[in-house]
Every structure is written in structure tokens, then in C-alpha cells.
Amino acid sequence: MRRATVILFLLFAASLTMSASVRRDTVARFSARSVEMSSQARLSFRHVDIAISQWSTDQDHRLLARTLLEKGSVGFIDVLCGYPAVGTVAVAGGGEFVIRYAWQMPDRDGGQRIYLASDQPIVLAGPEFRRFEQLDRLYFMELRIDRHGDGDAKMSDAIRLSVDESRNVIELRDYERRPLQLVMVHDEMVD
């Protein structure tokens, strides 16, 4: 009986060790603030935490890009639904949204661009502002981070995405003209 108990204990300890080793560490973490107009003269900043546990594979990226080019935004979201979670976007006082696609590209100036997509609309507004929610259902986020780890982010529905095959990215079309959704974006891994 004692031997069986010891063997069970060792098996239990080994399974705990194995499950801990399978657990993924965060490969990238960003903090940001979403901006809300709480009145005509007052801005409110809601904290947003973006955690990426792994980057999407090249195969997943190429399939999404090809699907967007051939089948459009509906096909893009359909394929995205079958991808495993690779991170989360957590909004203070709001929800937590699963990231199903995470891609990064270095900039020439030492910064980076991060491209994220979810299969559910990401809502940054607090419950008191949800009735004034944007008409666009925002599935895609593009973060532009400088070499010091600071930047901003814009979001879009899947309809306004484009594929730049020369740079191998899925990105927001007309980024410069899109409204700014996240400010004070900071790469927490730089510190």
C-alpha cells in the first residue's frame, strides 16, 4: 500500500511539472489607454492590457492573407475562428477579448509594427458608453511602436484590411486617416 501511494504521488508530481512546462510565457506585453469622452470637456482614459503568448505561424499568416485576397473579410473572420488563442486584450472595467492572430514586423528606424486580430469585435468603451458604440465592429488592431517602446494603435473592421505582399503583412488600409483608438501604448518588455 505504501509503495502504491509513493508511486501515485510521484506520478502526480511529474504531471504537475509537465503541465507547468507546457504553460506558455508571454512573448510580448503592451499597456495602453483608450480614450473616451465622458463629457464635452472631459476625457477619460481606460487602461488596456495586451498580452501575446505566441506569434502566429507563417503558415497561419499566409492562409489568412490568401483568404482575405480571395474570399474577402467574411472568409477572413471564418478562418480566424478556427485558430487557437495566442493572446488577450483586457480592457479595465470591460471585457477580455481573445487574440487569434499576432504578427510582428520590424521598422527601419528600430521600431516595430504589431498586427492583431480577434474573431469577436473588440469593445474599448465602458458599459456607460456602449449605447454610443461605434458602428464599425473592430476585429483588427495595428500597433506602431518606436524604438523606445512607445506608440499608438488604431483598429478596424475586417473590410478595411489589405495585404501588402511585398512586405508580407496584413494591415489597415489608409492607416494615417483612421481614427486613433489607443494612446500611450508602451511595450512592457522594453523596460
C-alpha atoms as a PDB file:
ATOM      1  CA  MET A   1       0.000   0.000   0.000  1.00  0.00           C
ATOM      2  CA  ARG A   2       2.821   2.369   0.897  1.00  0.00           C
ATOM      3  CA  ARG A   3       4.580   1.661  -2.405  1.00  0.00           C
ATOM      4  CA  ALA A   4       1.371   2.377  -4.380  1.00  0.00           C
ATOM      5  CA  THR A   5       0.925   5.669  -2.533  1.00  0.00           C
ATOM      6  CA  VAL A   6       4.518   6.721  -3.299  1.00  0.00           C
ATOM      7  CA  ILE A   7       4.102   5.805  -6.976  1.00  0.00           C
ATOM      8  CA  LEU A   8       0.843   7.777  -7.227  1.00  0.00           C
ATOM      9  CA  PHE A   9       2.478  10.763  -5.526  1.00  0.00           C
ATOM     10  CA  LEU A  10       5.426  10.662  -7.942  1.00  0.00           C
ATOM     11  CA  LEU A  11       3.094  10.399 -10.937  1.00  0.00           C
ATOM     12  CA  PHE A  12       1.058  13.348  -9.631  1.00  0.00           C
ATOM     13  CA  ALA A  13       4.234  15.432  -9.093  1.00  0.00           C
ATOM     14  CA  ALA A  14       5.503  14.537 -12.575  1.00  0.00           C
ATOM     15  CA  SER A  15       2.202  15.558 -14.171  1.00  0.00           C
ATOM     16  CA  LEU A  16       2.319  18.912 -12.371  1.00  0.00           C
ATOM     17  CA  THR A  17       5.849  19.506 -13.603  1.00  0.00           C
ATOM     18  CA  MET A  18       4.884  18.612 -17.170  1.00  0.00           C
ATOM     19  CA  SER A  19       1.794  20.842 -17.162  1.00  0.00           C
ATOM     20  CA  ALA A  20       3.888  23.724 -15.816  1.00  0.00           C
ATOM     21  CA  SER A  21       6.435  23.254 -18.602  1.00  0.00           C
ATOM     22  CA  VAL A  22       3.688  23.318 -21.257  1.00  0.00           C
ATOM     23  CA  ARG A  23       2.373  26.638 -19.935  1.00  0.00           C
ATOM     24  CA  ARG A  24       3.295  29.477 -22.284  1.00  0.00           C
ATOM     25  CA  ASP A  25       5.153  32.554 -21.170  1.00  0.00           C
ATOM     26  CA  THR A  26       4.220  35.924 -22.537  1.00  0.00           C
ATOM     27  CA  VAL A  27       6.347  36.808 -25.586  1.00  0.00           C
ATOM     28  CA  ALA A  28       5.051  40.394 -25.767  1.00  0.00           C
ATOM     29  CA  ARG A  29       3.063  42.648 -23.458  1.00  0.00           C
ATOM     30  CA  PHE A  30       1.761  46.136 -24.158  1.00  0.00           C
ATOM     31  CA  SER A  31      -0.109  48.604 -21.988  1.00  0.00           C
ATOM     32  CA  ALA A  32      -2.239  51.354 -23.482  1.00  0.00           C
ATOM     33  CA  ARG A  33      -5.101  53.757 -22.808  1.00  0.00           C
ATOM     34  CA  SER A  34      -8.341  54.012 -24.735  1.00  0.00           C
ATOM     35  CA  VAL A  35      -9.835  57.483 -24.903  1.00  0.00           C
ATOM     36  CA  GLU A  36     -13.485  58.180 -24.041  1.00  0.00           C
ATOM     37  CA  MET A  37     -15.307  61.496 -23.982  1.00  0.00           C
ATOM     38  CA  SER A  38     -17.093  61.464 -20.612  1.00  0.00           C
ATOM     39  CA  SER A  39     -18.454  64.967 -21.339  1.00  0.00           C
ATOM     40  CA  GLN A  40     -17.759  67.725 -23.855  1.00  0.00           C
ATOM     41  CA  ALA A  41     -14.828  68.989 -21.810  1.00  0.00           C
ATOM     42  CA  ARG A  42     -13.610  65.837 -20.113  1.00  0.00           C
ATOM     43  CA  LEU A  43     -11.634  62.874 -21.393  1.00  0.00           C
ATOM     44  CA  SER A  44     -11.498  59.533 -19.640  1.00  0.00           C
ATOM     45  CA  PHE A  45      -8.636  57.090 -20.154  1.00  0.00           C
ATOM     46  CA  ARG A  46      -9.388  53.383 -19.715  1.00  0.00           C
ATOM     47  CA  HIS A  47      -6.402  51.039 -19.198  1.00  0.00           C
ATOM     48  CA  VAL A  48      -5.912  48.331 -21.837  1.00  0.00           C
ATOM     49  CA  ASP A  49      -3.515  45.410 -21.392  1.00  0.00           C
ATOM     50  CA  ILE A  50      -2.414  43.420 -24.449  1.00  0.00           C
ATOM     51  CA  ALA A  51      -0.649  40.116 -23.787  1.00  0.00           C
ATOM     52  CA  ILE A  52       0.691  37.885 -26.560  1.00  0.00           C
ATOM     53  CA  SER A  53       1.637  34.340 -25.578  1.00  0.00           C
ATOM     54  CA  GLN A  54       2.931  33.330 -29.023  1.00  0.00           C
ATOM     55  CA  TRP A  55       3.265  34.733 -32.512  1.00  0.00           C
ATOM     56  CA  SER A  56       1.192  33.259 -35.317  1.00  0.00           C
ATOM     57  CA  THR A  57       2.945  30.798 -37.590  1.00  0.00           C
ATOM     58  CA  ASP A  58       3.981  31.700 -41.112  1.00  0.00           C
ATOM     59  CA  GLN A  59       1.531  29.075 -42.391  1.00  0.00           C
ATOM     60  CA  ASP A  60      -1.378  30.676 -40.470  1.00  0.00           C
ATOM     61  CA  HIS A  61      -0.352  34.125 -41.714  1.00  0.00           C
ATOM     62  CA  ARG A  62      -0.184  33.036 -45.350  1.00  0.00           C
ATOM     63  CA  LEU A  63      -3.566  31.265 -45.146  1.00  0.00           C
ATOM     64  CA  LEU A  64      -5.198  34.385 -43.654  1.00  0.00           C
ATOM     65  CA  ALA A  65      -3.622  36.659 -46.280  1.00  0.00           C
ATOM     66  CA  ARG A  66      -4.695  34.375 -49.140  1.00  0.00           C
ATOM     67  CA  THR A  67      -8.211  34.078 -47.703  1.00  0.00           C
ATOM     68  CA  LEU A  68      -8.521  37.865 -47.376  1.00  0.00           C
ATOM     69  CA  LEU A  69      -7.419  38.324 -51.002  1.00  0.00           C
ATOM     70  CA  GLU A  70      -9.624  35.561 -52.418  1.00  0.00           C
ATOM     71  CA  LYS A  71     -12.708  35.500 -50.172  1.00  0.00           C
ATOM     72  CA  GLY A  72     -12.755  38.915 -48.515  1.00  0.00           C
ATOM     73  CA  SER A  73     -13.465  39.910 -44.932  1.00  0.00           C
ATOM     74  CA  VAL A  74     -16.144  37.267 -44.243  1.00  0.00           C
ATOM     75  CA  GLY A  75     -13.760  34.474 -45.250  1.00  0.00           C
ATOM     76  CA  PHE A  76     -11.019  36.124 -43.169  1.00  0.00           C
ATOM     77  CA  ILE A  77     -13.169  36.015 -39.987  1.00  0.00           C
ATOM     78  CA  ASP A  78     -14.310  32.449 -40.765  1.00  0.00           C
ATOM     79  CA  VAL A  79     -10.717  31.197 -40.970  1.00  0.00           C
ATOM     80  CA  LEU A  80      -9.729  33.214 -37.902  1.00  0.00           C
ATOM     81  CA  CYS A  81     -12.439  31.467 -35.829  1.00  0.00           C
ATOM     82  CA  GLY A  82     -10.584  28.166 -36.216  1.00  0.00           C
ATOM     83  CA  TYR A  83      -7.276  29.491 -34.869  1.00  0.00           C
ATOM     84  CA  PRO A  84      -6.235  28.883 -31.252  1.00  0.00           C
ATOM     85  CA  ALA A  85      -5.846  31.763 -28.814  1.00  0.00           C
ATOM     86  CA  VAL A  86      -2.424  33.432 -28.992  1.00  0.00           C
ATOM     87  CA  GLY A  87      -3.126  36.248 -26.520  1.00  0.00           C
ATOM     88  CA  THR A  88      -5.679  38.582 -24.965  1.00  0.00           C
ATOM     89  CA  VAL A  89      -6.783  42.199 -24.955  1.00  0.00           C
ATOM     90  CA  ALA A  90      -8.101  43.113 -21.492  1.00  0.00           C
ATOM     91  CA  VAL A  91      -9.973  46.396 -21.036  1.00  0.00           C
ATOM     92  CA  ALA A  92     -10.258  47.754 -17.477  1.00  0.00           C
ATOM     93  CA  GLY A  93     -13.882  47.718 -16.395  1.00  0.00           C
ATOM     94  CA  GLY A  94     -14.772  45.980 -19.647  1.00  0.00           C
ATOM     95  CA  GLY A  95     -14.193  42.657 -21.273  1.00  0.00           C
ATOM     96  CA  GLU A  96     -11.322  40.412 -22.186  1.00  0.00           C
ATOM     97  CA  PHE A  97     -11.003  39.560 -25.860  1.00  0.00           C
ATOM     98  CA  VAL A  98      -9.093  36.636 -27.344  1.00  0.00           C
ATOM     99  CA  ILE A  99      -6.378  37.346 -29.910  1.00  0.00           C
ATOM    100  CA  ARG A 100      -6.298  34.653 -32.594  1.00  0.00           C
ATOM    101  CA  TYR A 101      -3.667  36.205 -34.874  1.00  0.00           C
ATOM    102  CA  ALA A 102      -0.496  38.076 -33.823  1.00  0.00           C
ATOM    103  CA  TRP A 103       2.182  39.155 -36.307  1.00  0.00           C
ATOM    104  CA  GLN A 104       5.156  41.493 -35.936  1.00  0.00           C
ATOM    105  CA  MET A 105       7.383  43.341 -38.377  1.00  0.00           C
ATOM    106  CA  PRO A 106      10.453  45.444 -37.573  1.00  0.00           C
ATOM    107  CA  ASP A 107      10.583  49.038 -38.849  1.00  0.00           C
ATOM    108  CA  ARG A 108      13.672  50.522 -40.447  1.00  0.00           C
ATOM    109  CA  ASP A 109      14.062  53.035 -37.597  1.00  0.00           C
ATOM    110  CA  GLY A 110      14.327  50.327 -34.915  1.00  0.00           C
ATOM    111  CA  GLY A 111      10.646  50.295 -34.012  1.00  0.00           C
ATOM    112  CA  GLN A 112       8.115  47.620 -34.755  1.00  0.00           C
ATOM    113  CA  ARG A 113       4.613  47.110 -36.010  1.00  0.00           C
ATOM    114  CA  ILE A 114       2.304  44.628 -34.360  1.00  0.00           C
ATOM    115  CA  TYR A 115      -0.793  43.270 -36.130  1.00  0.00           C
ATOM    116  CA  LEU A 116      -3.501  41.577 -34.036  1.00  0.00           C
ATOM    117  CA  ALA A 117      -6.874  40.078 -34.943  1.00  0.00           C
ATOM    118  CA  SER A 118      -9.767  38.641 -32.966  1.00  0.00           C
ATOM    119  CA  ASP A 119     -12.755  36.619 -34.102  1.00  0.00           C
ATOM    120  CA  GLN A 120     -15.031  38.763 -31.913  1.00  0.00           C
ATOM    121  CA  PRO A 121     -15.384  42.561 -32.003  1.00  0.00           C
ATOM    122  CA  ILE A 122     -13.064  44.284 -29.516  1.00  0.00           C
ATOM    123  CA  VAL A 123     -15.033  46.820 -27.468  1.00  0.00           C
ATOM    124  CA  LEU A 124     -12.958  49.513 -25.759  1.00  0.00           C
ATOM    125  CA  ALA A 125     -15.855  51.601 -24.414  1.00  0.00           C
ATOM    126  CA  GLY A 126     -17.059  51.161 -20.872  1.00  0.00           C
ATOM    127  CA  PRO A 127     -20.607  49.991 -20.118  1.00  0.00           C
ATOM    128  CA  GLU A 128     -21.848  53.575 -19.770  1.00  0.00           C
ATOM    129  CA  PHE A 129     -20.793  54.371 -23.357  1.00  0.00           C
ATOM    130  CA  ARG A 130     -21.773  51.132 -25.108  1.00  0.00           C
ATOM    131  CA  ARG A 131     -25.042  52.626 -26.327  1.00  0.00           C
ATOM    132  CA  PHE A 132     -22.917  55.093 -28.345  1.00  0.00           C
ATOM    133  CA  GLU A 133     -20.719  52.297 -29.620  1.00  0.00           C
ATOM    134  CA  GLN A 134     -19.064  52.725 -32.996  1.00  0.00           C
ATOM    135  CA  LEU A 135     -20.901  51.390 -35.986  1.00  0.00           C
ATOM    136  CA  ASP A 136     -17.755  49.536 -37.068  1.00  0.00           C
ATOM    137  CA  ARG A 137     -17.187  46.132 -35.500  1.00  0.00           C
ATOM    138  CA  LEU A 138     -13.479  46.300 -34.698  1.00  0.00           C
ATOM    139  CA  TYR A 139     -11.684  42.978 -35.181  1.00  0.00           C
ATOM    140  CA  PHE A 140      -8.181  44.106 -36.165  1.00  0.00           C
ATOM    141  CA  MET A 141      -5.578  46.212 -34.327  1.00  0.00           C
ATOM    142  CA  GLU A 142      -2.334  47.692 -35.632  1.00  0.00           C
ATOM    143  CA  LEU A 143       0.211  48.946 -33.096  1.00  0.00           C
ATOM    144  CA  ARG A 144       3.061  51.175 -34.221  1.00  0.00           C
ATOM    145  CA  ILE A 145       5.842  51.194 -31.660  1.00  0.00           C
ATOM    146  CA  ASP A 146       9.016  53.323 -31.872  1.00  0.00           C
ATOM    147  CA  ARG A 147      12.490  52.136 -30.888  1.00  0.00           C
ATOM    148  CA  HIS A 148      11.926  53.357 -27.308  1.00  0.00           C
ATOM    149  CA  GLY A 149       8.856  51.119 -26.900  1.00  0.00           C
ATOM    150  CA  ASP A 150       6.207  53.867 -27.159  1.00  0.00           C
ATOM    151  CA  GLY A 151       3.500  54.355 -29.772  1.00  0.00           C
ATOM    152  CA  ASP A 152      -0.173  54.277 -30.610  1.00  0.00           C
ATOM    153  CA  ALA A 153      -2.711  51.918 -32.122  1.00  0.00           C
ATOM    154  CA  LYS A 154      -5.625  52.022 -34.491  1.00  0.00           C
ATOM    155  CA  MET A 155      -8.349  49.483 -35.069  1.00  0.00           C
ATOM    156  CA  SER A 156     -10.551  48.460 -37.946  1.00  0.00           C
ATOM    157  CA  ASP A 157     -13.232  46.127 -39.108  1.00  0.00           C
ATOM    158  CA  ALA A 158     -12.128  43.346 -41.431  1.00  0.00           C
ATOM    159  CA  ILE A 159     -13.457  45.166 -44.510  1.00  0.00           C
ATOM    160  CA  ARG A 160     -10.735  47.832 -44.328  1.00  0.00           C
ATOM    161  CA  LEU A 161      -7.811  45.411 -44.316  1.00  0.00           C
ATOM    162  CA  SER A 162      -5.317  44.991 -47.109  1.00  0.00           C
ATOM    163  CA  VAL A 163      -2.484  42.593 -47.859  1.00  0.00           C
ATOM    164  CA  ASP A 164       0.936  44.020 -48.712  1.00  0.00           C
ATOM    165  CA  GLU A 165       2.598  41.006 -50.301  1.00  0.00           C
ATOM    166  CA  SER A 166       5.923  42.814 -50.783  1.00  0.00           C
ATOM    167  CA  ARG A 167       6.269  43.346 -47.010  1.00  0.00           C
ATOM    168  CA  ASN A 168       4.386  40.141 -46.067  1.00  0.00           C
ATOM    169  CA  VAL A 169       1.790  41.867 -43.845  1.00  0.00           C
ATOM    170  CA  ILE A 170      -1.953  42.132 -43.387  1.00  0.00           C
ATOM    171  CA  GLU A 171      -2.523  45.751 -42.389  1.00  0.00           C
ATOM    172  CA  LEU A 172      -5.042  48.559 -42.044  1.00  0.00           C
ATOM    173  CA  ARG A 173      -5.810  50.290 -45.308  1.00  0.00           C
ATOM    174  CA  ASP A 174      -5.225  54.072 -45.008  1.00  0.00           C
ATOM    175  CA  TYR A 175      -3.729  53.850 -41.515  1.00  0.00           C
ATOM    176  CA  GLU A 176      -2.960  57.580 -41.424  1.00  0.00           C
ATOM    177  CA  ARG A 177      -6.619  58.513 -41.980  1.00  0.00           C
ATOM    178  CA  ARG A 178      -8.061  56.070 -39.437  1.00  0.00           C
ATOM    179  CA  PRO A 179      -9.141  57.393 -36.019  1.00  0.00           C
ATOM    180  CA  LEU A 180      -6.780  56.801 -33.105  1.00  0.00           C
ATOM    181  CA  GLN A 181      -8.247  54.306 -30.608  1.00  0.00           C
ATOM    182  CA  LEU A 182      -5.311  53.640 -28.270  1.00  0.00           C
ATOM    183  CA  VAL A 183      -2.802  56.166 -26.966  1.00  0.00           C
ATOM    184  CA  MET A 184       0.185  55.869 -24.641  1.00  0.00           C
ATOM    185  CA  VAL A 185       0.918  52.389 -25.972  1.00  0.00           C
ATOM    186  CA  HIS A 186       4.028  51.055 -24.265  1.00  0.00           C
ATOM    187  CA  ASP A 187       5.984  47.862 -24.810  1.00  0.00           C
ATOM    188  CA  GLU A 188       6.281  46.424 -21.302  1.00  0.00           C
ATOM    189  CA  MET A 189       9.098  44.084 -22.357  1.00  0.00           C
ATOM    190  CA  VAL A 190      11.413  47.056 -23.147  1.00  0.00           C
ATOM    191  CA  ASP A 191      11.743  48.185 -19.513  1.00  0.00           C
END
